[in-house]
PDB file of N, CA and C in Angstrom:
ATOM      1  N   UNK A   1     109.151  96.888 193.156  1.00  0.00           N
ATOM      2  CA  UNK A   1     109.630  97.645 192.014  1.00  0.00           C
ATOM      3  C   UNK A   1     110.205  96.687 190.986  1.00  0.00           C
ATOM      4  N   UNK A   2     109.971  97.027 189.734  1.00  0.00           N
ATOM      5  CA  UNK A   2     110.482  96.208 188.640  1.00  0.00           C
ATOM      6  C   UNK A   2     111.928  96.554 188.349  1.00  0.00           C
ATOM      7  N   UNK A   3     112.682  95.557 187.970  1.00  0.00           N
ATOM      8  CA  UNK A   3     114.058  95.828 187.567  1.00  0.00           C
ATOM      9  C   UNK A   3     114.040  96.478 186.190  1.00  0.00           C
ATOM     10  N   UNK A   4     115.120  97.175 185.807  1.00  0.00           N
ATOM     11  CA  UNK A   4     115.149  97.834 184.492  1.00  0.00           C
ATOM     12  C   UNK A   4     114.960  96.851 183.338  1.00  0.00           C
ATOM     13  N   UNK A   5     115.395  95.597 183.513  1.00  0.00           N
ATOM     14  CA  UNK A   5     115.236  94.623 182.443  1.00  0.00           C
ATOM     15  C   UNK A   5     113.778  94.189 182.310  1.00  0.00           C
ATOM     16  N   UNK A   6     113.029  94.203 183.409  1.00  0.00           N
ATOM     17  CA  UNK A   6     111.653  93.736 183.382  1.00  0.00           C
ATOM     18  C   UNK A   6     110.682  94.816 182.906  1.00  0.00           C
ATOM     19  N   UNK A   7     111.060  96.066 182.985  1.00  0.00           N
ATOM     20  CA  UNK A   7     110.178  97.144 182.566  1.00  0.00           C
ATOM     21  C   UNK A   7     110.093  97.179 181.044  1.00  0.00           C
ATOM     22  N   UNK A   8     108.891  97.432 180.541  1.00  0.00           N
ATOM     23  CA  UNK A   8     108.703  97.496 179.099  1.00  0.00           C
ATOM     24  C   UNK A   8     109.170  98.855 178.596  1.00  0.00           C
ATOM     25  N   UNK A   9     109.970  98.843 177.559  1.00  0.00           N
ATOM     26  CA  UNK A   9     110.455 100.092 176.994  1.00  0.00           C
ATOM     27  C   UNK A   9     109.352 100.755 176.186  1.00  0.00           C
ATOM     28  N   UNK A  10     109.570 102.001 175.824  1.00  0.00           N
ATOM     29  CA  UNK A  10     108.586 102.721 175.021  1.00  0.00           C
ATOM     30  C   UNK A  10     108.409 102.044 173.670  1.00  0.00           C
ATOM     31  N   UNK A  11     109.513 101.559 173.089  1.00  0.00           N
ATOM     32  CA  UNK A  11     109.423 100.842 171.820  1.00  0.00           C
ATOM     33  C   UNK A  11     108.577  99.589 171.976  1.00  0.00           C
ATOM     34  N   UNK A  12     108.767  98.873 173.074  1.00  0.00           N
ATOM     35  CA  UNK A  12     107.972  97.679 173.334  1.00  0.00           C
ATOM     36  C   UNK A  12     106.494  97.997 173.461  1.00  0.00           C
ATOM     37  N   UNK A  13     106.178  99.112 174.102  1.00  0.00           N
ATOM     38  CA  UNK A  13     104.791  99.522 174.244  1.00  0.00           C
ATOM     39  C   UNK A  13     104.174  99.840 172.888  1.00  0.00           C
ATOM     40  N   UNK A  14     104.926 100.584 172.056  1.00  0.00           N
ATOM     41  CA  UNK A  14     104.434 100.927 170.722  1.00  0.00           C
ATOM     42  C   UNK A  14     104.236  99.666 169.883  1.00  0.00           C
ATOM     43  N   UNK A  15     105.194  98.744 169.935  1.00  0.00           N
ATOM     44  CA  UNK A  15     105.081  97.526 169.141  1.00  0.00           C
ATOM     45  C   UNK A  15     103.922  96.652 169.619  1.00  0.00           C
ATOM     46  N   UNK A  16     103.714  96.606 170.919  1.00  0.00           N
ATOM     47  CA  UNK A  16     102.601  95.837 171.465  1.00  0.00           C
ATOM     48  C   UNK A  16     101.264  96.438 171.017  1.00  0.00           C
ATOM     49  N   UNK A  17     101.142  97.737 171.099  1.00  0.00           N
ATOM     50  CA  UNK A  17      99.922  98.411 170.641  1.00  0.00           C
ATOM     51  C   UNK A  17      99.708  98.245 169.155  1.00  0.00           C
ATOM     52  N   UNK A  18     100.784  98.329 168.387  1.00  0.00           N
ATOM     53  CA  UNK A  18     100.693  98.155 166.940  1.00  0.00           C
ATOM     54  C   UNK A  18     100.269  96.732 166.586  1.00  0.00           C
ATOM     55  N   UNK A  19     100.812  95.755 167.298  1.00  0.00           N
ATOM     56  CA  UNK A  19     100.427  94.360 167.062  1.00  0.00           C
ATOM     57  C   UNK A  19      98.958  94.134 167.416  1.00  0.00           C
ATOM     58  N   UNK A  20      98.511  94.751 168.495  1.00  0.00           N
ATOM     59  CA  UNK A  20      97.112  94.609 168.905  1.00  0.00           C
ATOM     60  C   UNK A  20      96.182  95.221 167.867  1.00  0.00           C
ATOM     61  N   UNK A  21      96.495  96.450 167.424  1.00  0.00           N
ATOM     62  CA  UNK A  21      95.670  97.097 166.409  1.00  0.00           C
ATOM     63  C   UNK A  21      95.731  96.347 165.083  1.00  0.00           C
ATOM     64  N   UNK A  22      96.925  95.877 164.710  1.00  0.00           N
ATOM     65  CA  UNK A  22      97.073  95.152 163.450  1.00  0.00           C
ATOM     66  C   UNK A  22      96.306  93.848 163.435  1.00  0.00           C
ATOM     67  N   UNK A  23      96.331  93.149 164.550  1.00  0.00           N
ATOM     68  CA  UNK A  23      95.587  91.884 164.594  1.00  0.00           C
ATOM     69  C   UNK A  23      94.082  92.128 164.599  1.00  0.00           C
ATOM     70  N   UNK A  24      93.625  93.172 165.260  1.00  0.00           N
ATOM     71  CA  UNK A  24      92.197  93.501 165.238  1.00  0.00           C
ATOM     72  C   UNK A  24      91.774  93.907 163.836  1.00  0.00           C
ATOM     73  N   UNK A  25      92.607  94.703 163.158  1.00  0.00           N
ATOM     74  CA  UNK A  25      92.297  95.111 161.788  1.00  0.00           C
ATOM     75  C   UNK A  25      92.255  93.904 160.865  1.00  0.00           C
ATOM     76  N   UNK A  26      93.251  93.026 160.987  1.00  0.00           N
ATOM     77  CA  UNK A  26      93.293  91.843 160.123  1.00  0.00           C
ATOM     78  C   UNK A  26      92.089  90.941 160.370  1.00  0.00           C
ATOM     79  N   UNK A  27      91.693  90.809 161.641  1.00  0.00           N
ATOM     80  CA  UNK A  27      90.546  89.964 161.953  1.00  0.00           C
ATOM     81  C   UNK A  27      89.266  90.508 161.323  1.00  0.00           C
ATOM     82  N   UNK A  28      89.132  91.820 161.258  1.00  0.00           N
ATOM     83  CA  UNK A  28      87.933  92.406 160.654  1.00  0.00           C
ATOM     84  C   UNK A  28      88.045  92.511 159.139  1.00  0.00           C
ATOM     85  N   UNK A  29      89.235  92.832 158.635  1.00  0.00           N
ATOM     86  CA  UNK A  29      89.403  93.047 157.197  1.00  0.00           C
ATOM     87  C   UNK A  29      89.390  91.748 156.411  1.00  0.00           C
ATOM     88  N   UNK A  30      89.835  90.659 157.000  1.00  0.00           N
ATOM     89  CA  UNK A  30      89.871  89.389 156.281  1.00  0.00           C
ATOM     90  C   UNK A  30      88.527  88.676 156.302  1.00  0.00           C
ATOM     91  N   UNK A  31      87.547  89.279 156.920  1.00  0.00           N
ATOM     92  CA  UNK A  31      86.166  88.775 157.001  1.00  0.00           C
ATOM     93  C   UNK A  31      86.093  87.271 157.245  1.00  0.00           C
ATOM     94  N   UNK A  32      86.275  86.882 158.494  1.00  0.00           N
ATOM     95  CA  UNK A  32      86.152  85.454 158.810  1.00  0.00           C
ATOM     96  C   UNK A  32      84.728  84.969 158.544  1.00  0.00           C
ATOM     97  N   UNK A  33      84.571  83.664 158.340  1.00  0.00           N
ATOM     98  CA  UNK A  33      83.214  83.137 158.086  1.00  0.00           C
ATOM     99  C   UNK A  33      82.275  83.466 159.247  1.00  0.00           C
ATOM    100  N   UNK A  34      81.094  83.865 158.900  1.00  0.00           N
ATOM    101  CA  UNK A  34      80.099  84.188 159.912  1.00  0.00           C
ATOM    102  C   UNK A  34      80.080  85.663 160.289  1.00  0.00           C
ATOM    103  N   UNK A  35      81.029  86.448 159.783  1.00  0.00           N
ATOM    104  CA  UNK A  35      81.064  87.884 160.101  1.00  0.00           C
ATOM    105  C   UNK A  35      81.072  88.657 158.790  1.00  0.00           C
ATOM    106  N   UNK A  36      79.959  89.243 158.460  1.00  0.00           N
ATOM    107  CA  UNK A  36      79.867  90.056 157.255  1.00  0.00           C
ATOM    108  C   UNK A  36      79.596  91.504 157.674  1.00  0.00           C
ATOM    109  N   UNK A  37      80.579  92.347 157.425  1.00  0.00           N
ATOM    110  CA  UNK A  37      80.416  93.765 157.739  1.00  0.00           C
ATOM    111  C   UNK A  37      79.687  94.453 156.592  1.00  0.00           C
ATOM    112  N   UNK A  38      78.883  95.457 156.887  1.00  0.00           N
ATOM    113  CA  UNK A  38      78.247  96.223 155.806  1.00  0.00           C
ATOM    114  C   UNK A  38      79.307  96.896 154.936  1.00  0.00           C
ATOM    115  N   UNK A  39      78.962  97.148 153.693  1.00  0.00           N
ATOM    116  CA  UNK A  39      79.914  97.691 152.712  1.00  0.00           C
ATOM    117  C   UNK A  39      80.546  99.016 153.165  1.00  0.00           C
ATOM    118  N   UNK A  40      79.796  99.972 153.733  1.00  0.00           N
ATOM    119  CA  UNK A  40      80.451 101.227 154.143  1.00  0.00           C
ATOM    120  C   UNK A  40      81.529 101.014 155.216  1.00  0.00           C
ATOM    121  N   UNK A  41      81.284 100.073 156.111  1.00  0.00           N
ATOM    122  CA  UNK A  41      82.285  99.795 157.141  1.00  0.00           C
ATOM    123  C   UNK A  41      83.537  99.170 156.532  1.00  0.00           C
ATOM    124  N   UNK A  42      83.321  98.258 155.586  1.00  0.00           N
ATOM    125  CA  UNK A  42      84.467  97.617 154.920  1.00  0.00           C
ATOM    126  C   UNK A  42      85.276  98.640 154.136  1.00  0.00           C
ATOM    127  N   UNK A  43      84.595  99.570 153.453  1.00  0.00           N
ATOM    128  CA  UNK A  43      85.295 100.589 152.669  1.00  0.00           C
ATOM    129  C   UNK A  43      86.109 101.515 153.559  1.00  0.00           C
ATOM    130  N   UNK A  44      85.659 101.745 154.767  1.00  0.00           N
ATOM    131  CA  UNK A  44      86.419 102.576 155.705  1.00  0.00           C
ATOM    132  C   UNK A  44      87.506 101.775 156.398  1.00  0.00           C
ATOM    133  N   UNK A  45      87.297 100.484 156.546  1.00  0.00           N
ATOM    134  CA  UNK A  45      88.237  99.646 157.283  1.00  0.00           C
ATOM    135  C   UNK A  45      89.484  99.280 156.467  1.00  0.00           C
ATOM    136  N   UNK A  46      89.322  99.050 155.190  1.00  0.00           N
ATOM    137  CA  UNK A  46      90.451  98.579 154.380  1.00  0.00           C
ATOM    138  C   UNK A  46      91.614  99.578 154.315  1.00  0.00           C
ATOM    139  N   UNK A  47      91.379 100.885 154.084  1.00  0.00           N
ATOM    140  CA  UNK A  47      92.525 101.806 154.052  1.00  0.00           C
ATOM    141  C   UNK A  47      92.933 102.347 155.424  1.00  0.00           C
ATOM    142  N   UNK A  48      92.390 101.796 156.494  1.00  0.00           N
ATOM    143  CA  UNK A  48      92.678 102.295 157.841  1.00  0.00           C
ATOM    144  C   UNK A  48      94.172 102.316 158.183  1.00  0.00           C
ATOM    145  N   UNK A  49      94.970 101.291 157.838  1.00  0.00           N
ATOM    146  CA  UNK A  49      96.406 101.375 158.156  1.00  0.00           C
ATOM    147  C   UNK A  49      97.101 102.567 157.500  1.00  0.00           C
ATOM    148  N   UNK A  50      96.685 102.916 156.291  1.00  0.00           N
ATOM    149  CA  UNK A  50      97.285 104.078 155.621  1.00  0.00           C
ATOM    150  C   UNK A  50      96.900 105.349 156.361  1.00  0.00           C
ATOM    151  N   UNK A  51      95.641 105.460 156.771  1.00  0.00           N
ATOM    152  CA  UNK A  51      95.199 106.628 157.540  1.00  0.00           C
ATOM    153  C   UNK A  51      95.990 106.753 158.845  1.00  0.00           C
ATOM    154  N   UNK A  52      96.179 105.625 159.516  1.00  0.00           N
ATOM    155  CA  UNK A  52      96.922 105.647 160.774  1.00  0.00           C
ATOM    156  C   UNK A  52      98.390 106.011 160.556  1.00  0.00           C
ATOM    157  N   UNK A  53      98.966 105.550 159.464  1.00  0.00           N
ATOM    158  CA  UNK A  53     100.353 105.901 159.155  1.00  0.00           C
ATOM    159  C   UNK A  53     100.491 107.400 158.885  1.00  0.00           C
ATOM    160  N   UNK A  54      99.549 107.974 158.145  1.00  0.00           N
ATOM    161  CA  UNK A  54      99.565 109.420 157.884  1.00  0.00           C
ATOM    162  C   UNK A  54      99.363 110.193 159.183  1.00  0.00           C
ATOM    163  N   UNK A  55      98.449 109.733 160.030  1.00  0.00           N
ATOM    164  CA  UNK A  55      98.212 110.406 161.315  1.00  0.00           C
ATOM    165  C   UNK A  55      99.454 110.340 162.197  1.00  0.00           C
ATOM    166  N   UNK A  56     100.129 109.180 162.202  1.00  0.00           N
ATOM    167  CA  UNK A  56     101.354 109.053 162.990  1.00  0.00           C
ATOM    168  C   UNK A  56     102.443 109.982 162.455  1.00  0.00           C
ATOM    169  N   UNK A  57     102.550 110.108 161.140  1.00  0.00           N
ATOM    170  CA  UNK A  57     103.520 111.035 160.547  1.00  0.00           C
ATOM    171  C   UNK A  57     103.228 112.473 160.934  1.00  0.00           C
ATOM    172  N   UNK A  58     101.959 112.856 160.909  1.00  0.00           N
ATOM    173  CA  UNK A  58     101.572 114.221 161.313  1.00  0.00           C
ATOM    174  C   UNK A  58     101.893 114.459 162.785  1.00  0.00           C
ATOM    175  N   UNK A  59     101.592 113.470 163.618  1.00  0.00           N
ATOM    176  CA  UNK A  59     101.905 113.584 165.046  1.00  0.00           C
ATOM    177  C   UNK A  59     103.413 113.721 165.257  1.00  0.00           C
ATOM    178  N   UNK A  60     104.181 112.928 164.542  1.00  0.00           N
ATOM    179  CA  UNK A  60     105.640 112.978 164.683  1.00  0.00           C
ATOM    180  C   UNK A  60     106.180 114.338 164.266  1.00  0.00           C
ATOM    181  N   UNK A  61     105.717 114.857 163.132  1.00  0.00           N
ATOM    182  CA  UNK A  61     106.162 116.179 162.675  1.00  0.00           C
ATOM    183  C   UNK A  61     105.770 117.273 163.662  1.00  0.00           C
ATOM    184  N   UNK A  62     104.555 117.180 164.183  1.00  0.00           N
ATOM    185  CA  UNK A  62     104.111 118.184 165.151  1.00  0.00           C
ATOM    186  C   UNK A  62     104.942 118.114 166.424  1.00  0.00           C
ATOM    187  N   UNK A  63     105.261 116.908 166.883  1.00  0.00           N
ATOM    188  CA  UNK A  63     106.068 116.753 168.095  1.00  0.00           C
ATOM    189  C   UNK A  63     107.468 117.299 167.894  1.00  0.00           C
ATOM    190  N   UNK A  64     108.089 116.961 166.771  1.00  0.00           N
ATOM    191  CA  UNK A  64     109.439 117.469 166.491  1.00  0.00           C
ATOM    192  C   UNK A  64     109.411 118.992 166.359  1.00  0.00           C
ATOM    193  N   UNK A  65     108.407 119.523 165.676  1.00  0.00           N
ATOM    194  CA  UNK A  65     108.292 120.974 165.525  1.00  0.00           C
ATOM    195  C   UNK A  65     108.110 121.679 166.858  1.00  0.00           C
ATOM    196  N   UNK A  66     107.266 121.118 167.714  1.00  0.00           N
ATOM    197  CA  UNK A  66     107.040 121.724 169.024  1.00  0.00           C
ATOM    198  C   UNK A  66     108.307 121.685 169.876  1.00  0.00           C
ATOM    199  N   UNK A  67     108.967 120.530 169.890  1.00  0.00           N
ATOM    200  CA  UNK A  67     110.190 120.419 170.691  1.00  0.00           C
ATOM    201  C   UNK A  67     111.279 121.342 170.169  1.00  0.00           C
ATOM    202  N   UNK A  68     111.338 121.510 168.844  1.00  0.00           N
ATOM    203  CA  UNK A  68     112.328 122.411 168.264  1.00  0.00           C
ATOM    204  C   UNK A  68     112.008 123.861 168.599  1.00  0.00           C
ATOM    205  N   UNK A  69     110.718 124.204 168.589  1.00  0.00           N
ATOM    206  CA  UNK A  69     110.312 125.584 168.894  1.00  0.00           C
ATOM    207  C   UNK A  69     110.523 125.920 170.360  1.00  0.00           C
ATOM    208  N   UNK A  70     110.409 124.955 171.247  1.00  0.00           N
ATOM    209  CA  UNK A  70     110.547 125.222 172.677  1.00  0.00           C
ATOM    210  C   UNK A  70     111.906 124.807 173.216  1.00  0.00           C
ATOM    211  N   UNK A  71     112.852 124.542 172.317  1.00  0.00           N
ATOM    212  CA  UNK A  71     114.202 124.153 172.735  1.00  0.00           C
ATOM    213  C   UNK A  71     114.863 125.336 173.434  1.00  0.00           C
ATOM    214  N   UNK A  72     115.388 125.091 174.615  1.00  0.00           N
ATOM    215  CA  UNK A  72     115.992 126.194 175.365  1.00  0.00           C
ATOM    216  C   UNK A  72     117.516 126.098 175.336  1.00  0.00           C
ATOM    217  N   UNK A  73     118.149 127.247 175.408  1.00  0.00           N
ATOM    218  CA  UNK A  73     119.610 127.296 175.435  1.00  0.00           C
ATOM    219  C   UNK A  73     120.104 127.064 176.855  1.00  0.00           C
ATOM    220  N   UNK A  74     121.225 126.411 176.966  1.00  0.00           N
ATOM    221  CA  UNK A  74     121.844 126.151 178.260  1.00  0.00           C
ATOM    222  C   UNK A  74     123.133 126.959 178.330  1.00  0.00           C
ATOM    223  N   UNK A  75     123.023 128.190 178.756  1.00  0.00           N
ATOM    224  CA  UNK A  75     124.176 129.080 178.795  1.00  0.00           C
ATOM    225  C   UNK A  75     125.269 128.562 179.721  1.00  0.00           C
ATOM    226  N   UNK A  76     124.866 128.030 180.882  1.00  0.00           N
ATOM    227  CA  UNK A  76     125.853 127.531 181.840  1.00  0.00           C
ATOM    228  C   UNK A  76     126.610 126.343 181.266  1.00  0.00           C
ATOM    229  N   UNK A  77     125.903 125.433 180.618  1.00  0.00           N
ATOM    230  CA  UNK A  77     126.552 124.261 180.033  1.00  0.00           C
ATOM    231  C   UNK A  77     127.482 124.672 178.901  1.00  0.00           C
ATOM    232  N   UNK A  78     127.090 125.661 178.111  1.00  0.00           N
ATOM    233  CA  UNK A  78     127.947 126.135 177.023  1.00  0.00           C
ATOM    234  C   UNK A  78     129.222 126.758 177.580  1.00  0.00           C
ATOM    235  N   UNK A  79     129.101 127.550 178.639  1.00  0.00           N
ATOM    236  CA  UNK A  79     130.284 128.158 179.249  1.00  0.00           C
ATOM    237  C   UNK A  79     131.193 127.087 179.839  1.00  0.00           C
ATOM    238  N   UNK A  80     130.599 126.074 180.477  1.00  0.00           N
ATOM    239  CA  UNK A  80     131.396 124.992 181.051  1.00  0.00           C
ATOM    240  C   UNK A  80     132.122 124.212 179.955  1.00  0.00           C
ATOM    241  N   UNK A  81     131.449 123.972 178.852  1.00  0.00           N
ATOM    242  CA  UNK A  81     132.074 123.258 177.744  1.00  0.00           C
ATOM    243  C   UNK A  81     133.221 124.072 177.145  1.00  0.00           C
ATOM    244  N   UNK A  82     133.045 125.382 177.013  1.00  0.00           N
ATOM    245  CA  UNK A  82     134.123 126.233 176.504  1.00  0.00           C
ATOM    246  C   UNK A  82     135.328 126.205 177.438  1.00  0.00           C
ATOM    247  N   UNK A  83     135.073 126.172 178.726  1.00  0.00           N
ATOM    248  CA  UNK A  83     136.174 126.097 179.698  1.00  0.00           C
ATOM    249  C   UNK A  83     136.910 124.767 179.577  1.00  0.00           C
ATOM    250  N   UNK A  84     136.187 123.677 179.377  1.00  0.00           N
ATOM    251  CA  UNK A  84     136.822 122.376 179.178  1.00  0.00           C
ATOM    252  C   UNK A  84     137.671 122.375 177.910  1.00  0.00           C
ATOM    253  N   UNK A  85     137.163 123.023 176.866  1.00  0.00           N
ATOM    254  CA  UNK A  85     137.928 123.106 175.610  1.00  0.00           C
ATOM    255  C   UNK A  85     139.208 123.898 175.823  1.00  0.00           C
ATOM    256  N   UNK A  86     139.113 125.013 176.522  1.00  0.00           N
ATOM    257  CA  UNK A  86     140.313 125.822 176.804  1.00  0.00           C
ATOM    258  C   UNK A  86     141.335 125.019 177.609  1.00  0.00           C
ATOM    259  N   UNK A  87     140.858 124.298 178.621  1.00  0.00           N
ATOM    260  CA  UNK A  87     141.759 123.498 179.451  1.00  0.00           C
ATOM    261  C   UNK A  87     142.414 122.386 178.629  1.00  0.00           C
ATOM    262  N   UNK A  88     141.660 121.749 177.756  1.00  0.00           N
ATOM    263  CA  UNK A  88     142.212 120.679 176.921  1.00  0.00           C
ATOM    264  C   UNK A  88     143.246 121.233 175.961  1.00  0.00           C
ATOM    265  N   UNK A  89     142.975 122.388 175.373  1.00  0.00           N
ATOM    266  CA  UNK A  89     143.951 122.996 174.460  1.00  0.00           C
ATOM    267  C   UNK A  89     145.230 123.371 175.196  1.00  0.00           C
ATOM    268  N   UNK A  90     145.078 123.925 176.409  1.00  0.00           N
ATOM    269  CA  UNK A  90     146.268 124.291 177.182  1.00  0.00           C
ATOM    270  C   UNK A  90     147.095 123.053 177.510  1.00  0.00           C
ATOM    271  N   UNK A  91     146.429 121.966 177.869  1.00  0.00           N
ATOM    272  CA  UNK A  91     147.148 120.733 178.179  1.00  0.00           C
ATOM    273  C   UNK A  91     147.844 120.178 176.939  1.00  0.00           C
ATOM    274  N   UNK A  92     147.181 120.252 175.806  1.00  0.00           N
ATOM    275  CA  UNK A  92     147.804 119.769 174.567  1.00  0.00           C
ATOM    276  C   UNK A  92     148.983 120.638 174.151  1.00  0.00           C
ATOM    277  N   UNK A  93     148.889 121.960 174.386  1.00  0.00           N
ATOM    278  CA  UNK A  93     150.026 122.844 174.081  1.00  0.00           C
ATOM    279  C   UNK A  93     151.229 122.486 174.954  1.00  0.00           C
ATOM    280  N   UNK A  94     150.965 122.137 176.229  1.00  0.00           N
ATOM    281  CA  UNK A  94     152.058 121.744 177.120  1.00  0.00           C
ATOM    282  C   UNK A  94     152.729 120.470 176.634  1.00  0.00           C
ATOM    283  N   UNK A  95     151.975 119.622 175.973  1.00  0.00           N
ATOM    284  CA  UNK A  95     152.541 118.360 175.470  1.00  0.00           C
ATOM    285  C   UNK A  95     153.168 118.524 174.094  1.00  0.00           C
ATOM    286  N   UNK A  96     153.114 119.739 173.534  1.00  0.00           N
ATOM    287  CA  UNK A  96     153.822 120.007 172.294  1.00  0.00           C
ATOM    288  C   UNK A  96     152.966 120.031 171.058  1.00  0.00           C
ATOM    289  N   UNK A  97     151.657 119.953 171.162  1.00  0.00           N
ATOM    290  CA  UNK A  97     150.795 119.988 169.994  1.00  0.00           C
ATOM    291  C   UNK A  97     150.496 121.437 169.641  1.00  0.00           C
ATOM    292  N   UNK A  98     150.645 121.773 168.364  1.00  0.00           N
ATOM    293  CA  UNK A  98     150.374 123.139 167.906  1.00  0.00           C
ATOM    294  C   UNK A  98     149.081 123.181 167.108  1.00  0.00           C
ATOM    295  N   UNK A  99     148.283 124.236 167.301  1.00  0.00           N
ATOM    296  CA  UNK A  99     147.025 124.407 166.581  1.00  0.00           C
ATOM    297  C   UNK A  99     147.209 125.329 165.415  1.00  0.00           C
TER     298      UNK A  99
END
């Protein structure tokens, strides 16, 4: 088993994937000598980072919207928190604090 320090975080995974895609895009878009892509491929390749950024934004909005729509209430946790608040207020009243 890997230690927590050795495991790659989600951010690390995203950055690694982004670096891989970015380097592949740069290698094709900068047209190294000996590699000539046909014009239609080049026209689709050059704005690709913008397309990917828009797609990532749409995915992010959809994920946030879905999580917000399926957010569930925790009645037990709310009741427990209210009880903690009541206990804290009672303790503060005993110490002389007025609300």
